[in-house]
Amino acid sequence: MIKTKEEIKVTTEENAKGEVKMYLNHLNDFEGWNEKNRMFALVELKAGEEVEYHVHENEFESYYILSGKALYTDHDETFEIEEGTVTFTPSGKGHGIKNIGDETLKFIAHIIKD
């Protein structure tokens, strides 16, 4: 099965002002997709926007940075990351990411349930 760019489901999340802050291009929207794969998406964050720090329970998540520059909080440490960086957050740990560049930050996010 394949999907073209036009067939990929896109959803948005809004910031406190009601403005779109994040685009989620759902790459796992296929019939028969393994339910342990909770999310596989291309995420786009505008300049200054962020995915707030959060903890994963009974699942883990990885990011692969495609373009842009970000501050990434991994548990209790913060790092500046860019294109080509891969992150991993195991179950019971937390992370967050903020776009610190002028361009849209793009990354693949993959969440798998334990």
C-alpha atoms as a PDB file:
ATOM      1  CA  MET A   1       0.000   0.000   0.000  1.00  0.00           C
ATOM      2  CA  ILE A   2       1.144   3.538  -0.724  1.00  0.00           C
ATOM      3  CA  LYS A   3      -0.239   7.030  -0.257  1.00  0.00           C
ATOM      4  CA  THR A   4       0.619  10.165  -2.148  1.00  0.00           C
ATOM      5  CA  LYS A   5       1.315  13.455  -0.388  1.00  0.00           C
ATOM      6  CA  GLU A   6      -2.236  14.552  -1.148  1.00  0.00           C
ATOM      7  CA  GLU A   7      -3.683  11.442   0.535  1.00  0.00           C
ATOM      8  CA  ILE A   8      -1.824  11.808   3.846  1.00  0.00           C
ATOM      9  CA  LYS A   9      -4.076  12.894   6.709  1.00  0.00           C
ATOM     10  CA  VAL A  10      -2.916  16.202   8.247  1.00  0.00           C
ATOM     11  CA  THR A  11      -4.108  17.479  11.618  1.00  0.00           C
ATOM     12  CA  THR A  12      -3.141  20.584  13.554  1.00  0.00           C
ATOM     13  CA  GLU A  13      -2.744  21.662  17.159  1.00  0.00           C
ATOM     14  CA  GLU A  14      -3.206  25.235  18.325  1.00  0.00           C
ATOM     15  CA  ASN A  15      -1.311  27.417  20.780  1.00  0.00           C
ATOM     16  CA  ALA A  16      -2.948  29.403  23.610  1.00  0.00           C
ATOM     17  CA  LYS A  17      -3.817  32.215  21.145  1.00  0.00           C
ATOM     18  CA  GLY A  18      -5.743  29.824  18.914  1.00  0.00           C
ATOM     19  CA  GLU A  19      -3.065  29.937  16.194  1.00  0.00           C
ATOM     20  CA  VAL A  20      -1.847  26.781  14.479  1.00  0.00           C
ATOM     21  CA  LYS A  21       1.440  25.790  16.116  1.00  0.00           C
ATOM     22  CA  MET A  22       1.969  22.248  14.901  1.00  0.00           C
ATOM     23  CA  TYR A  23       1.123  20.267  11.787  1.00  0.00           C
ATOM     24  CA  LEU A  24       0.977  16.468  12.103  1.00  0.00           C
ATOM     25  CA  ASN A  25       1.235  14.551   8.836  1.00  0.00           C
ATOM     26  CA  HIS A  26       0.015  11.075   9.842  1.00  0.00           C
ATOM     27  CA  LEU A  27       2.243   8.555   8.084  1.00  0.00           C
ATOM     28  CA  ASN A  28       0.646   5.524   9.760  1.00  0.00           C
ATOM     29  CA  ASP A  29      -2.892   6.012   8.454  1.00  0.00           C
ATOM     30  CA  PHE A  30      -3.115   2.593   6.784  1.00  0.00           C
ATOM     31  CA  GLU A  31      -5.681  -0.135   7.291  1.00  0.00           C
ATOM     32  CA  GLY A  32      -4.026  -3.015   9.138  1.00  0.00           C
ATOM     33  CA  TRP A  33      -1.307  -0.851  10.737  1.00  0.00           C
ATOM     34  CA  ASN A  34       0.091  -2.535  13.866  1.00  0.00           C
ATOM     35  CA  GLU A  35      -1.661  -0.999  16.906  1.00  0.00           C
ATOM     36  CA  LYS A  36       1.612  -0.940  18.879  1.00  0.00           C
ATOM     37  CA  ASN A  37       2.701   1.859  16.526  1.00  0.00           C
ATOM     38  CA  ARG A  38       0.702   4.640  18.203  1.00  0.00           C
ATOM     39  CA  MET A  39       2.112   7.436  16.062  1.00  0.00           C
ATOM     40  CA  PHE A  40       4.350   7.788  13.031  1.00  0.00           C
ATOM     41  CA  ALA A  41       4.174  11.362  11.782  1.00  0.00           C
ATOM     42  CA  LEU A  42       5.980  14.210  10.088  1.00  0.00           C
ATOM     43  CA  VAL A  43       5.762  17.049  12.621  1.00  0.00           C
ATOM     44  CA  GLU A  44       6.177  20.699  11.646  1.00  0.00           C
ATOM     45  CA  LEU A  45       6.664  23.413  14.292  1.00  0.00           C
ATOM     46  CA  LYS A  46       6.703  27.100  13.438  1.00  0.00           C
ATOM     47  CA  ALA A  47       9.504  29.359  14.735  1.00  0.00           C
ATOM     48  CA  GLY A  48       9.205  29.736  18.515  1.00  0.00           C
ATOM     49  CA  GLU A  49       6.642  26.947  18.939  1.00  0.00           C
ATOM     50  CA  GLU A  50       7.215  23.828  20.988  1.00  0.00           C
ATOM     51  CA  VAL A  51       6.003  20.445  22.088  1.00  0.00           C
ATOM     52  CA  GLU A  52       5.970  20.972  25.840  1.00  0.00           C
ATOM     53  CA  TYR A  53       7.866  18.628  28.150  1.00  0.00           C
ATOM     54  CA  HIS A  54       5.873  15.448  28.749  1.00  0.00           C
ATOM     55  CA  VAL A  55       6.481  11.955  30.137  1.00  0.00           C
ATOM     56  CA  HIS A  56       5.791   8.734  28.247  1.00  0.00           C
ATOM     57  CA  GLU A  57       4.254   5.825  30.149  1.00  0.00           C
ATOM     58  CA  ASN A  58       3.954   2.362  28.595  1.00  0.00           C
ATOM     59  CA  GLU A  59       5.426   3.620  25.315  1.00  0.00           C
ATOM     60  CA  PHE A  60       8.597   5.131  23.908  1.00  0.00           C
ATOM     61  CA  GLU A  61       9.229   7.824  21.315  1.00  0.00           C
ATOM     62  CA  SER A  62      11.979   8.750  18.863  1.00  0.00           C
ATOM     63  CA  TYR A  63      12.445  11.900  16.804  1.00  0.00           C
ATOM     64  CA  TYR A  64      14.487  12.202  13.616  1.00  0.00           C
ATOM     65  CA  ILE A  65      15.224  15.850  12.785  1.00  0.00           C
ATOM     66  CA  LEU A  66      14.840  16.580   9.063  1.00  0.00           C
ATOM     67  CA  SER A  67      15.425  20.342   9.052  1.00  0.00           C
ATOM     68  CA  GLY A  68      15.672  23.303  11.376  1.00  0.00           C
ATOM     69  CA  LYS A  69      17.224  23.919  14.766  1.00  0.00           C
ATOM     70  CA  ALA A  70      15.754  23.136  18.187  1.00  0.00           C
ATOM     71  CA  LEU A  71      16.290  22.975  21.910  1.00  0.00           C
ATOM     72  CA  TYR A  72      15.577  19.430  23.027  1.00  0.00           C
ATOM     73  CA  THR A  73      14.985  18.578  26.679  1.00  0.00           C
ATOM     74  CA  ASP A  74      15.880  14.973  27.444  1.00  0.00           C
ATOM     75  CA  HIS A  75      14.838  14.085  30.994  1.00  0.00           C
ATOM     76  CA  ASP A  76      16.726  16.793  32.954  1.00  0.00           C
ATOM     77  CA  GLU A  77      19.225  17.988  30.311  1.00  0.00           C
ATOM     78  CA  THR A  78      18.749  20.390  27.386  1.00  0.00           C
ATOM     79  CA  PHE A  79      20.646  20.195  24.101  1.00  0.00           C
ATOM     80  CA  GLU A  80      20.697  22.209  20.880  1.00  0.00           C
ATOM     81  CA  ILE A  81      19.932  19.814  18.010  1.00  0.00           C
ATOM     82  CA  GLU A  82      19.645  20.089  14.240  1.00  0.00           C
ATOM     83  CA  GLU A  83      19.159  18.141  11.004  1.00  0.00           C
ATOM     84  CA  GLY A  84      20.280  14.516  11.244  1.00  0.00           C
ATOM     85  CA  THR A  85      19.845  14.185  15.017  1.00  0.00           C
ATOM     86  CA  VAL A  86      17.948  11.170  16.386  1.00  0.00           C
ATOM     87  CA  THR A  87      16.447  11.137  19.894  1.00  0.00           C
ATOM     88  CA  PHE A  88      15.022   8.327  22.022  1.00  0.00           C
ATOM     89  CA  THR A  89      12.771   8.651  25.083  1.00  0.00           C
ATOM     90  CA  PRO A  90      12.054   5.385  26.916  1.00  0.00           C
ATOM     91  CA  SER A  91       8.910   4.609  28.890  1.00  0.00           C
ATOM     92  CA  GLY A  92       8.845   6.451  32.216  1.00  0.00           C
ATOM     93  CA  LYS A  93      11.042   9.306  30.965  1.00  0.00           C
ATOM     94  CA  GLY A  94      10.177  12.696  29.503  1.00  0.00           C
ATOM     95  CA  HIS A  95      11.168  15.084  26.750  1.00  0.00           C
ATOM     96  CA  GLY A  96      10.203  18.305  24.969  1.00  0.00           C
ATOM     97  CA  ILE A  97      11.316  20.197  21.870  1.00  0.00           C
ATOM     98  CA  LYS A  98      11.256  23.897  20.904  1.00  0.00           C
ATOM     99  CA  ASN A  99      11.974  25.440  17.506  1.00  0.00           C
ATOM    100  CA  ILE A 100      14.720  28.035  18.067  1.00  0.00           C
ATOM    101  CA  GLY A 101      15.325  28.774  14.400  1.00  0.00           C
ATOM    102  CA  ASP A 102      13.668  31.127  11.917  1.00  0.00           C
ATOM    103  CA  GLU A 103      12.412  28.351   9.642  1.00  0.00           C
ATOM    104  CA  THR A 104       9.871  25.611  10.270  1.00  0.00           C
ATOM    105  CA  LEU A 105      11.306  22.725  12.290  1.00  0.00           C
ATOM    106  CA  LYS A 106      10.492  19.386  10.629  1.00  0.00           C
ATOM    107  CA  PHE A 107      10.953  15.999  12.233  1.00  0.00           C
ATOM    108  CA  ILE A 108       9.615  12.458  12.158  1.00  0.00           C
ATOM    109  CA  ALA A 109       8.045  11.329  15.452  1.00  0.00           C
ATOM    110  CA  HIS A 110       7.480   7.642  16.122  1.00  0.00           C
ATOM    111  CA  ILE A 111       5.709   6.345  19.244  1.00  0.00           C
ATOM    112  CA  ILE A 112       5.568   2.625  19.953  1.00  0.00           C
ATOM    113  CA  LYS A 113       3.558   1.112  22.821  1.00  0.00           C
ATOM    114  CA  ASP A 114       5.294  -1.352  25.176  1.00  0.00           C
END
